[in-house]
C-alpha atoms as a PDB file:
ATOM      1  CA  MET A   1     134.367 102.760 111.455  1.00  0.00           C
ATOM      2  CA  THR A   2     132.714  99.335 111.362  1.00  0.00           C
ATOM      3  CA  LYS A   3     130.354  98.800 108.434  1.00  0.00           C
ATOM      4  CA  ILE A   4     126.681  98.932 109.394  1.00  0.00           C
ATOM      5  CA  LYS A   5     125.022  95.790 108.052  1.00  0.00           C
ATOM      6  CA  LEU A   6     121.214  95.832 107.891  1.00  0.00           C
ATOM      7  CA  ASP A   7     118.618  93.640 106.160  1.00  0.00           C
ATOM      8  CA  VAL A   8     114.955  93.602 105.333  1.00  0.00           C
ATOM      9  CA  VAL A   9     113.495  90.125 105.643  1.00  0.00           C
ATOM     10  CA  GLY A  10     110.280  88.744 104.203  1.00  0.00           C
ATOM     11  CA  ASP A  11     108.598  86.636 101.550  1.00  0.00           C
ATOM     12  CA  PRO A  12     107.969  88.020  98.988  1.00  0.00           C
ATOM     13  CA  ILE A  13     110.629  90.699  99.300  1.00  0.00           C
ATOM     14  CA  GLY A  14     111.370  91.927  95.787  1.00  0.00           C
ATOM     15  CA  HIS A  15     108.820  94.761  95.986  1.00  0.00           C
ATOM     16  CA  SER A  16     110.177  96.181  99.256  1.00  0.00           C
ATOM     17  CA  LYS A  17     110.902  99.927  99.380  1.00  0.00           C
ATOM     18  CA  SER A  18     112.940  99.544 102.581  1.00  0.00           C
ATOM     19  CA  PRO A  19     116.367  99.798 100.883  1.00  0.00           C
ATOM     20  CA  VAL A  20     115.425 103.186  99.402  1.00  0.00           C
ATOM     21  CA  ILE A  21     114.431 104.514 102.828  1.00  0.00           C
ATOM     22  CA  HIS A  22     117.335 103.193 104.864  1.00  0.00           C
ATOM     23  CA  GLN A  23     120.074 103.660 102.295  1.00  0.00           C
ATOM     24  CA  THR A  24     119.040 107.303 101.926  1.00  0.00           C
ATOM     25  CA  VAL A  25     119.463 107.815 105.675  1.00  0.00           C
ATOM     26  CA  LEU A  26     122.792 106.011 105.858  1.00  0.00           C
ATOM     27  CA  GLU A  27     124.139 107.859 102.818  1.00  0.00           C
ATOM     28  CA  GLU A  28     123.095 111.226 104.248  1.00  0.00           C
ATOM     29  CA  LEU A  29     124.911 110.374 107.479  1.00  0.00           C
ATOM     30  CA  LYS A  30     127.944 109.253 105.423  1.00  0.00           C
ATOM     31  CA  LEU A  31     128.028 105.880 107.161  1.00  0.00           C
ATOM     32  CA  ASP A  32     129.679 102.858 105.596  1.00  0.00           C
ATOM     33  CA  HIS A  33     126.809 100.433 105.159  1.00  0.00           C
ATOM     34  CA  GLU A  34     125.237  97.462 103.471  1.00  0.00           C
ATOM     35  CA  TYR A  35     121.462  97.036 103.269  1.00  0.00           C
ATOM     36  CA  ARG A  36     120.163  93.800 101.765  1.00  0.00           C
ATOM     37  CA  LYS A  37     116.820  92.380 100.760  1.00  0.00           C
ATOM     38  CA  VAL A  38     116.720  88.817 102.077  1.00  0.00           C
ATOM     39  CA  ARG A  39     113.978  86.394 101.096  1.00  0.00           C
ATOM     40  CA  VAL A  40     113.216  84.172 104.057  1.00  0.00           C
ATOM     41  CA  GLU A  41     110.333  81.753 103.685  1.00  0.00           C
ATOM     42  CA  LYS A  42     107.902  81.123 106.509  1.00  0.00           C
ATOM     43  CA  GLY A  43     109.442  78.657 108.945  1.00  0.00           C
ATOM     44  CA  GLN A  44     113.015  79.535 107.976  1.00  0.00           C
ATOM     45  CA  LEU A  45     113.728  82.288 110.512  1.00  0.00           C
ATOM     46  CA  GLU A  46     116.021  80.103 112.627  1.00  0.00           C
ATOM     47  CA  GLN A  47     118.345  79.536 109.676  1.00  0.00           C
ATOM     48  CA  TYR A  48     118.360  83.265 108.902  1.00  0.00           C
ATOM     49  CA  LEU A  49     119.196  84.155 112.520  1.00  0.00           C
ATOM     50  CA  ALA A  50     122.230  81.878 112.350  1.00  0.00           C
ATOM     51  CA  GLU A  51     123.363  83.957 109.357  1.00  0.00           C
ATOM     52  CA  VAL A  52     122.748  87.162 111.355  1.00  0.00           C
ATOM     53  CA  ARG A  53     125.235  86.024 113.960  1.00  0.00           C
ATOM     54  CA  GLN A  54     127.722  84.645 111.457  1.00  0.00           C
ATOM     55  CA  LYS A  55     127.784  87.797 109.308  1.00  0.00           C
ATOM     56  CA  GLU A  56     127.511  90.194 112.271  1.00  0.00           C
ATOM     57  CA  ILE A  57     124.324  91.842 111.018  1.00  0.00           C
ATOM     58  CA  CYS A  58     123.538  94.953 113.113  1.00  0.00           C
ATOM     59  CA  GLY A  59     119.764  94.717 112.713  1.00  0.00           C
ATOM     60  CA  PHE A  60     116.942  93.891 110.379  1.00  0.00           C
ATOM     61  CA  ASN A  61     113.479  95.010 109.361  1.00  0.00           C
ATOM     62  CA  LEU A  62     110.707  92.435 109.147  1.00  0.00           C
ATOM     63  CA  THR A  63     107.761  92.244 106.820  1.00  0.00           C
ATOM     64  CA  MET A  64     105.235  89.488 106.166  1.00  0.00           C
ATOM     65  CA  PRO A  65     105.120  86.677 107.171  1.00  0.00           C
ATOM     66  CA  HIS A  66     107.567  87.132 110.053  1.00  0.00           C
ATOM     67  CA  LYS A  67     106.272  89.938 112.284  1.00  0.00           C
ATOM     68  CA  GLN A  68     104.811  87.478 114.798  1.00  0.00           C
ATOM     69  CA  ASP A  69     106.964  84.443 114.030  1.00  0.00           C
ATOM     70  CA  ILE A  70     110.065  86.322 115.246  1.00  0.00           C
ATOM     71  CA  LEU A  71     108.702  86.803 118.778  1.00  0.00           C
ATOM     72  CA  PRO A  72     109.947  83.520 120.370  1.00  0.00           C
ATOM     73  CA  TYR A  73     113.507  84.238 119.217  1.00  0.00           C
ATOM     74  CA  LEU A  74     113.802  87.669 120.820  1.00  0.00           C
ATOM     75  CA  ASP A  75     115.691  88.427 124.036  1.00  0.00           C
ATOM     76  CA  TYR A  76     113.759  91.668 124.593  1.00  0.00           C
ATOM     77  CA  ILE A  77     110.459  93.014 123.243  1.00  0.00           C
ATOM     78  CA  ASP A  78     109.525  96.689 123.563  1.00  0.00           C
ATOM     79  CA  ASN A  79     106.272  97.388 125.441  1.00  0.00           C
ATOM     80  CA  GLU A  80     104.411  98.670 122.380  1.00  0.00           C
ATOM     81  CA  ALA A  81     105.494  95.666 120.324  1.00  0.00           C
ATOM     82  CA  LEU A  82     104.180  93.464 123.137  1.00  0.00           C
ATOM     83  CA  VAL A  83     100.787  95.174 122.909  1.00  0.00           C
ATOM     84  CA  PHE A  84     100.761  94.778 119.121  1.00  0.00           C
ATOM     85  CA  ASN A  85     102.105  91.204 119.378  1.00  0.00           C
ATOM     86  CA  SER A  86     104.102  92.158 116.313  1.00  0.00           C
ATOM     87  CA  VAL A  87     107.703  93.218 115.620  1.00  0.00           C
ATOM     88  CA  ASN A  88     108.983  94.956 112.492  1.00  0.00           C
ATOM     89  CA  THR A  89     112.423  96.059 113.729  1.00  0.00           C
ATOM     90  CA  VAL A  90     115.114  93.959 115.402  1.00  0.00           C
ATOM     91  CA  LYS A  91     118.352  95.430 116.710  1.00  0.00           C
ATOM     92  CA  VAL A  92     121.305  93.156 117.454  1.00  0.00           C
ATOM     93  CA  LYS A  93     123.212  94.390 120.495  1.00  0.00           C
ATOM     94  CA  GLY A  94     125.750  92.435 122.498  1.00  0.00           C
ATOM     95  CA  GLY A  95     124.589  89.244 120.826  1.00  0.00           C
ATOM     96  CA  LYS A  96     121.002  89.881 121.973  1.00  0.00           C
ATOM     97  CA  LEU A  97     117.984  90.334 119.665  1.00  0.00           C
ATOM     98  CA  LEU A  98     115.901  93.366 120.677  1.00  0.00           C
ATOM     99  CA  GLY A  99     112.437  93.694 119.110  1.00  0.00           C
ATOM    100  CA  TYR A 100     110.404  96.831 118.372  1.00  0.00           C
ATOM    101  CA  ASN A 101     107.395  97.872 116.321  1.00  0.00           C
ATOM    102  CA  THR A 102     107.510 101.265 114.586  1.00  0.00           C
ATOM    103  CA  ASP A 103     104.349 100.890 112.455  1.00  0.00           C
ATOM    104  CA  GLY A 104     101.973 102.413 114.985  1.00  0.00           C
ATOM    105  CA  GLN A 105     104.109 105.434 115.781  1.00  0.00           C
ATOM    106  CA  GLY A 106     104.811 105.911 112.071  1.00  0.00           C
ATOM    107  CA  CYS A 107     101.066 106.156 111.513  1.00  0.00           C
ATOM    108  CA  ILE A 108     100.705 108.707 114.323  1.00  0.00           C
ATOM    109  CA  TRP A 109     103.578 110.864 113.080  1.00  0.00           C
ATOM    110  CA  ALA A 110     102.009 110.975 109.617  1.00  0.00           C
ATOM    111  CA  ILE A 111      98.702 112.107 111.128  1.00  0.00           C
ATOM    112  CA  LYS A 112     100.408 114.711 113.321  1.00  0.00           C
ATOM    113  CA  GLU A 113     102.166 116.099 110.252  1.00  0.00           C
ATOM    114  CA  LYS A 114      98.686 117.003 109.003  1.00  0.00           C
ATOM    115  CA  GLY A 115      98.035 118.950 112.186  1.00  0.00           C
ATOM    116  CA  CYS A 116      95.767 116.281 113.649  1.00  0.00           C
ATOM    117  CA  SER A 117      95.721 114.377 116.926  1.00  0.00           C
ATOM    118  CA  CYS A 118      94.014 111.064 117.691  1.00  0.00           C
ATOM    119  CA  LYS A 119      93.371 111.847 121.347  1.00  0.00           C
ATOM    120  CA  ASP A 120      89.647 112.241 122.095  1.00  0.00           C
ATOM    121  CA  LYS A 121      88.807 111.749 118.402  1.00  0.00           C
ATOM    122  CA  ASN A 122      86.263 109.428 116.805  1.00  0.00           C
ATOM    123  CA  ILE A 123      88.158 107.068 114.489  1.00  0.00           C
ATOM    124  CA  VAL A 124      86.538 104.965 111.759  1.00  0.00           C
ATOM    125  CA  ILE A 125      88.688 102.262 110.151  1.00  0.00           C
ATOM    126  CA  LEU A 126      87.641 100.479 106.953  1.00  0.00           C
ATOM    127  CA  GLY A 127      88.984  96.928 106.769  1.00  0.00           C
ATOM    128  CA  ALA A 128      90.350  94.512 109.353  1.00  0.00           C
ATOM    129  CA  GLY A 129      93.367  92.868 107.719  1.00  0.00           C
ATOM    130  CA  GLY A 130      97.083  93.504 107.413  1.00  0.00           C
ATOM    131  CA  VAL A 131      98.330  96.464 109.414  1.00  0.00           C
ATOM    132  CA  VAL A 132      94.839  97.493 110.611  1.00  0.00           C
ATOM    133  CA  SER A 133      95.206  95.568 113.866  1.00  0.00           C
ATOM    134  CA  THR A 134      98.308  97.591 114.740  1.00  0.00           C
ATOM    135  CA  VAL A 135      96.621 100.855 113.717  1.00  0.00           C
ATOM    136  CA  ALA A 136      93.540 100.104 115.836  1.00  0.00           C
ATOM    137  CA  LEU A 137      95.669  99.188 118.837  1.00  0.00           C
ATOM    138  CA  LYS A 138      97.729 102.358 118.445  1.00  0.00           C
ATOM    139  CA  MET A 139      94.565 104.479 118.275  1.00  0.00           C
ATOM    140  CA  ALA A 140      93.462 102.894 121.540  1.00  0.00           C
ATOM    141  CA  LEU A 141      96.835 103.686 123.134  1.00  0.00           C
ATOM    142  CA  GLU A 142      96.524 107.267 121.848  1.00  0.00           C
ATOM    143  CA  GLU A 143      93.251 107.572 123.813  1.00  0.00           C
ATOM    144  CA  ALA A 144      90.885 107.948 120.885  1.00  0.00           C
ATOM    145  CA  SER A 145      87.355 108.733 122.051  1.00  0.00           C
ATOM    146  CA  SER A 146      85.900 105.915 119.937  1.00  0.00           C
ATOM    147  CA  ILE A 147      87.114 103.393 117.361  1.00  0.00           C
ATOM    148  CA  THR A 148      84.822 101.790 114.797  1.00  0.00           C
ATOM    149  CA  VAL A 149      86.001  99.013 112.471  1.00  0.00           C
ATOM    150  CA  LEU A 150      83.921  98.105 109.411  1.00  0.00           C
ATOM    151  CA  ASN A 151      84.812  95.041 107.361  1.00  0.00           C
ATOM    152  CA  ARG A 152      83.249  92.952 104.615  1.00  0.00           C
ATOM    153  CA  THR A 153      83.636  89.939 106.888  1.00  0.00           C
ATOM    154  CA  PRO A 154      82.188  91.013 110.271  1.00  0.00           C
ATOM    155  CA  ALA A 155      83.830  88.055 112.048  1.00  0.00           C
ATOM    156  CA  SER A 156      87.281  89.481 111.265  1.00  0.00           C
ATOM    157  CA  ALA A 157      86.276  92.886 112.621  1.00  0.00           C
ATOM    158  CA  ASN A 158      84.908  91.228 115.770  1.00  0.00           C
ATOM    159  CA  ALA A 159      88.152  89.284 116.267  1.00  0.00           C
ATOM    160  CA  LEU A 160      90.121  92.514 115.923  1.00  0.00           C
ATOM    161  CA  ALA A 161      87.854  94.228 118.461  1.00  0.00           C
ATOM    162  CA  GLU A 162      88.331  91.376 120.948  1.00  0.00           C
ATOM    163  CA  ASN A 163      92.100  91.683 120.539  1.00  0.00           C
ATOM    164  CA  VAL A 164      92.044  95.451 121.178  1.00  0.00           C
ATOM    165  CA  LEU A 165      89.857  94.966 124.257  1.00  0.00           C
ATOM    166  CA  LEU A 166      92.173  92.237 125.587  1.00  0.00           C
ATOM    167  CA  ARG A 167      95.360  94.237 125.066  1.00  0.00           C
ATOM    168  CA  THR A 168      94.245  97.782 125.876  1.00  0.00           C
ATOM    169  CA  GLY A 169      90.863  97.568 127.636  1.00  0.00           C
ATOM    170  CA  LYS A 170      89.391  99.789 124.888  1.00  0.00           C
ATOM    171  CA  THR A 171      86.043  98.825 123.330  1.00  0.00           C
ATOM    172  CA  VAL A 172      85.872  98.861 119.530  1.00  0.00           C
ATOM    173  CA  LYS A 173      82.573  99.089 117.666  1.00  0.00           C
ATOM    174  CA  THR A 174      82.282  96.830 114.628  1.00  0.00           C
ATOM    175  CA  GLY A 175      80.036  96.406 111.617  1.00  0.00           C
ATOM    176  CA  GLU A 176      79.806  95.194 108.050  1.00  0.00           C
ATOM    177  CA  LEU A 177      81.462  97.328 105.359  1.00  0.00           C
ATOM    178  CA  THR A 178      78.560  98.715 103.317  1.00  0.00           C
ATOM    179  CA  THR A 179      77.781 102.137 101.890  1.00  0.00           C
ATOM    180  CA  GLN A 180      75.042 102.512 104.501  1.00  0.00           C
ATOM    181  CA  SER A 181      77.241 101.545 107.470  1.00  0.00           C
ATOM    182  CA  MET A 182      80.063 103.804 106.263  1.00  0.00           C
ATOM    183  CA  ALA A 183      77.656 106.744 105.926  1.00  0.00           C
ATOM    184  CA  ALA A 184      76.284 106.133 109.424  1.00  0.00           C
ATOM    185  CA  ALA A 185      79.742 105.831 110.986  1.00  0.00           C
ATOM    186  CA  ALA A 186      81.009 108.907 109.121  1.00  0.00           C
ATOM    187  CA  LYS A 187      78.533 111.245 110.807  1.00  0.00           C
ATOM    188  CA  ASP A 188      80.545 111.487 114.031  1.00  0.00           C
ATOM    189  CA  CYS A 189      83.910 110.648 112.474  1.00  0.00           C
ATOM    190  CA  ASP A 190      86.995 112.849 112.942  1.00  0.00           C
ATOM    191  CA  ILE A 191      89.510 110.582 111.172  1.00  0.00           C
ATOM    192  CA  LEU A 192      88.463 108.075 108.490  1.00  0.00           C
ATOM    193  CA  ILE A 193      91.144 105.478 107.733  1.00  0.00           C
ATOM    194  CA  ASN A 194      91.046 103.135 104.751  1.00  0.00           C
ATOM    195  CA  GLY A 195      92.881  99.917 105.589  1.00  0.00           C
ATOM    196  CA  THR A 196      91.387  97.893 102.721  1.00  0.00           C
ATOM    197  CA  PRO A 197      93.198  97.264  99.418  1.00  0.00           C
ATOM    198  CA  LEU A 198      90.348  98.972  97.545  1.00  0.00           C
ATOM    199  CA  GLY A 199      91.850 101.404  95.031  1.00  0.00           C
ATOM    200  CA  MET A 200      95.375 100.007  95.273  1.00  0.00           C
ATOM    201  CA  GLU A 201      97.531  99.733  92.149  1.00  0.00           C
ATOM    202  CA  GLY A 202      97.135  96.237  90.712  1.00  0.00           C
ATOM    203  CA  ILE A 203      93.806  95.626  92.501  1.00  0.00           C
ATOM    204  CA  ASP A 204      90.763  95.558  90.217  1.00  0.00           C
ATOM    205  CA  SER A 205      88.226  96.492  92.883  1.00  0.00           C
ATOM    206  CA  ASP A 206      87.482  99.930  94.330  1.00  0.00           C
ATOM    207  CA  PHE A 207      84.754 101.584  96.379  1.00  0.00           C
ATOM    208  CA  GLU A 208      81.558 101.366  94.328  1.00  0.00           C
ATOM    209  CA  ASP A 209      80.029 104.476  95.861  1.00  0.00           C
ATOM    210  CA  PHE A 210      81.728 107.432  97.533  1.00  0.00           C
ATOM    211  CA  SER A 211      78.541 109.089  98.762  1.00  0.00           C
ATOM    212  CA  PHE A 212      79.378 108.073 102.349  1.00  0.00           C
ATOM    213  CA  LEU A 213      81.961 110.876 102.308  1.00  0.00           C
ATOM    214  CA  ASN A 214      79.094 113.382 102.246  1.00  0.00           C
ATOM    215  CA  SER A 215      78.285 112.407 105.839  1.00  0.00           C
ATOM    216  CA  LEU A 216      81.686 113.473 107.176  1.00  0.00           C
ATOM    217  CA  LYS A 217      82.169 116.648 109.179  1.00  0.00           C
ATOM    218  CA  LYS A 218      83.921 119.484 107.345  1.00  0.00           C
ATOM    219  CA  ASP A 219      87.121 119.235 109.379  1.00  0.00           C
ATOM    220  CA  SER A 220      87.490 115.452 109.055  1.00  0.00           C
ATOM    221  CA  LEU A 221      90.733 113.827 107.896  1.00  0.00           C
ATOM    222  CA  VAL A 222      90.487 111.097 105.226  1.00  0.00           C
ATOM    223  CA  TYR A 223      93.539 108.851 105.531  1.00  0.00           C
ATOM    224  CA  ASP A 224      94.235 106.097 102.985  1.00  0.00           C
ATOM    225  CA  LEU A 225      97.006 103.727 104.084  1.00  0.00           C
ATOM    226  CA  ILE A 226      97.629 102.947 100.393  1.00  0.00           C
ATOM    227  CA  TYR A 227     100.591 104.788  98.850  1.00  0.00           C
ATOM    228  CA  ASN A 228     100.436 103.378  95.319  1.00  0.00           C
ATOM    229  CA  PRO A 229      98.808 105.181  93.611  1.00  0.00           C
ATOM    230  CA  GLU A 230      99.727 108.334  95.499  1.00  0.00           C
ATOM    231  CA  MET A 231      96.165 109.640  95.059  1.00  0.00           C
ATOM    232  CA  THR A 232      93.538 106.886  95.232  1.00  0.00           C
ATOM    233  CA  ASN A 233      89.988 107.523  94.052  1.00  0.00           C
ATOM    234  CA  LEU A 234      88.968 107.723  97.710  1.00  0.00           C
ATOM    235  CA  LEU A 235      91.417 110.580  98.284  1.00  0.00           C
ATOM    236  CA  LYS A 236      90.419 112.274  95.029  1.00  0.00           C
ATOM    237  CA  GLU A 237      86.753 112.198  96.016  1.00  0.00           C
ATOM    238  CA  ALA A 238      87.573 113.412  99.527  1.00  0.00           C
ATOM    239  CA  HIS A 239      89.714 116.226  98.128  1.00  0.00           C
ATOM    240  CA  LEU A 240      86.906 117.313  95.792  1.00  0.00           C
ATOM    241  CA  ARG A 241      84.665 117.627  98.854  1.00  0.00           C
ATOM    242  CA  GLY A 242      87.226 119.820 100.610  1.00  0.00           C
ATOM    243  CA  PHE A 243      88.483 117.336 103.189  1.00  0.00           C
ATOM    244  CA  ASN A 244      91.998 117.135 104.559  1.00  0.00           C
ATOM    245  CA  THR A 245      93.607 114.044 102.975  1.00  0.00           C
ATOM    246  CA  LEU A 246      96.611 111.819 103.648  1.00  0.00           C
ATOM    247  CA  ASN A 247      98.051 108.760 101.907  1.00  0.00           C
ATOM    248  CA  GLY A 248     100.268 105.952 103.229  1.00  0.00           C
ATOM    249  CA  PHE A 249     103.528 107.542 102.110  1.00  0.00           C
ATOM    250  CA  GLY A 250     104.159 109.224 105.464  1.00  0.00           C
ATOM    251  CA  MET A 251     103.592 106.094 107.530  1.00  0.00           C
ATOM    252  CA  LEU A 252     105.875 104.080 105.231  1.00  0.00           C
ATOM    253  CA  ILE A 253     108.692 106.603 105.610  1.00  0.00           C
ATOM    254  CA  TYR A 254     108.254 107.405 109.294  1.00  0.00           C
ATOM    255  CA  GLN A 255     108.230 103.767 110.393  1.00  0.00           C
ATOM    256  CA  GLY A 256     111.530 103.392 108.539  1.00  0.00           C
ATOM    257  CA  LEU A 257     113.046 106.518 110.094  1.00  0.00           C
ATOM    258  CA  LEU A 258     111.989 105.340 113.550  1.00  0.00           C
ATOM    259  CA  ALA A 259     113.691 102.002 112.872  1.00  0.00           C
ATOM    260  CA  ASP A 260     116.883 103.831 111.863  1.00  0.00           C
ATOM    261  CA  GLU A 261     116.833 105.805 115.113  1.00  0.00           C
ATOM    262  CA  ILE A 262     116.725 102.458 116.923  1.00  0.00           C
ATOM    263  CA  PHE A 263     119.507 100.921 114.811  1.00  0.00           C
ATOM    264  CA  LEU A 264     121.766 103.966 115.152  1.00  0.00           C
ATOM    265  CA  ASP A 265     120.931 105.038 118.727  1.00  0.00           C
ATOM    266  CA  ASN A 266     120.561 108.526 117.345  1.00  0.00           C
ATOM    267  CA  ARG A 267     117.882 111.160 116.738  1.00  0.00           C
ATOM    268  CA  LEU A 268     117.496 112.035 113.061  1.00  0.00           C
ATOM    269  CA  GLU A 269     116.599 115.208 111.177  1.00  0.00           C
ATOM    270  CA  LEU A 270     113.222 113.828 110.197  1.00  0.00           C
ATOM    271  CA  ALA A 271     111.888 116.616 107.978  1.00  0.00           C
ATOM    272  CA  LEU A 272     115.018 116.772 105.815  1.00  0.00           C
ATOM    273  CA  LEU A 273     115.338 113.008 105.485  1.00  0.00           C
ATOM    274  CA  LYS A 274     111.636 112.501 104.801  1.00  0.00           C
ATOM    275  CA  GLU A 275     111.772 114.958 101.889  1.00  0.00           C
ATOM    276  CA  LYS A 276     114.805 113.231 100.368  1.00  0.00           C
ATOM    277  CA  ILE A 277     113.212 109.790 100.769  1.00  0.00           C
ATOM    278  CA  GLU A 278     109.935 110.967  99.233  1.00  0.00           C
ATOM    279  CA  ASN A 279     111.748 112.257  96.163  1.00  0.00           C
ATOM    280  CA  LYS A 280     113.614 108.971  95.732  1.00  0.00           C
ATOM    281  CA  LEU A 281     110.545 106.802  96.286  1.00  0.00           C
ATOM    282  CA  LYS A 282     108.545 108.702  93.664  1.00  0.00           C
ATOM    283  CA  ASN A 283     111.210 107.758  91.130  1.00  0.00           C
ATOM    284  CA  PHE A 284     111.523 104.172  92.368  1.00  0.00           C
ATOM    285  CA  LYS A 285     111.075 101.893  89.370  1.00  0.00           C
ATOM    286  CA  ASN A 286     108.649  99.550  91.093  1.00  0.00           C
ATOM    287  CA  PHE A 287     106.650 102.282  92.811  1.00  0.00           C
END
């Protein structure tokens, strides 16, 4: 059988957990494989793509800063990736580059694992950077009843809202990220998502006041996209109040498993693989 050659591409790339996820899958399937971390600086994608063809790479995962920069080089872009204007998975097939985005569906699968649905729910998202744009767009596609984005810089939240409206026709409410605005938004909230770096390992800042959690309904889900630490102070405080909680571990793993299904043209045993990946990631030296 031909060796399956896959990469993860970004800058920086040393911290990436992608090899742990994908190598676990490929090992479980007993497939001959090679999975590399490849540092590609911004503006250097064309040189990397020449290497893809030369070395017969089967596909690659993309992280910052390439998720949008890759778009002009692709021969095909999946509909959801077109909506997100962002690609994190590229499959090489018949010399063609096929682009997909698994971040949004990874987020949804993690939420569904908690027994929750986004359809007809009121979603409140804290922050407007990084992956939040994709999450907000996916919530719109999932027919959320309402989406509210609160950010320290209101202009960024407004820009995100304009993008969601343009791409999905869904209106997003916006506001400044304050204890008062979070408490007000929490009153009707079904799913509260933290997309800020507050509480992340290596970040000095955290939420100054968790009293806004007291405004949530009893059956609300508090979802922190951070996965390091596994239990942020936000999740600890939410847990103490009896709320259903979720960290970013599931989204990280599911987006990788979805990418592997694309690479391999095969449905995977998700529950079994997710458990094995979780165990490996918890022991990952840089985790």
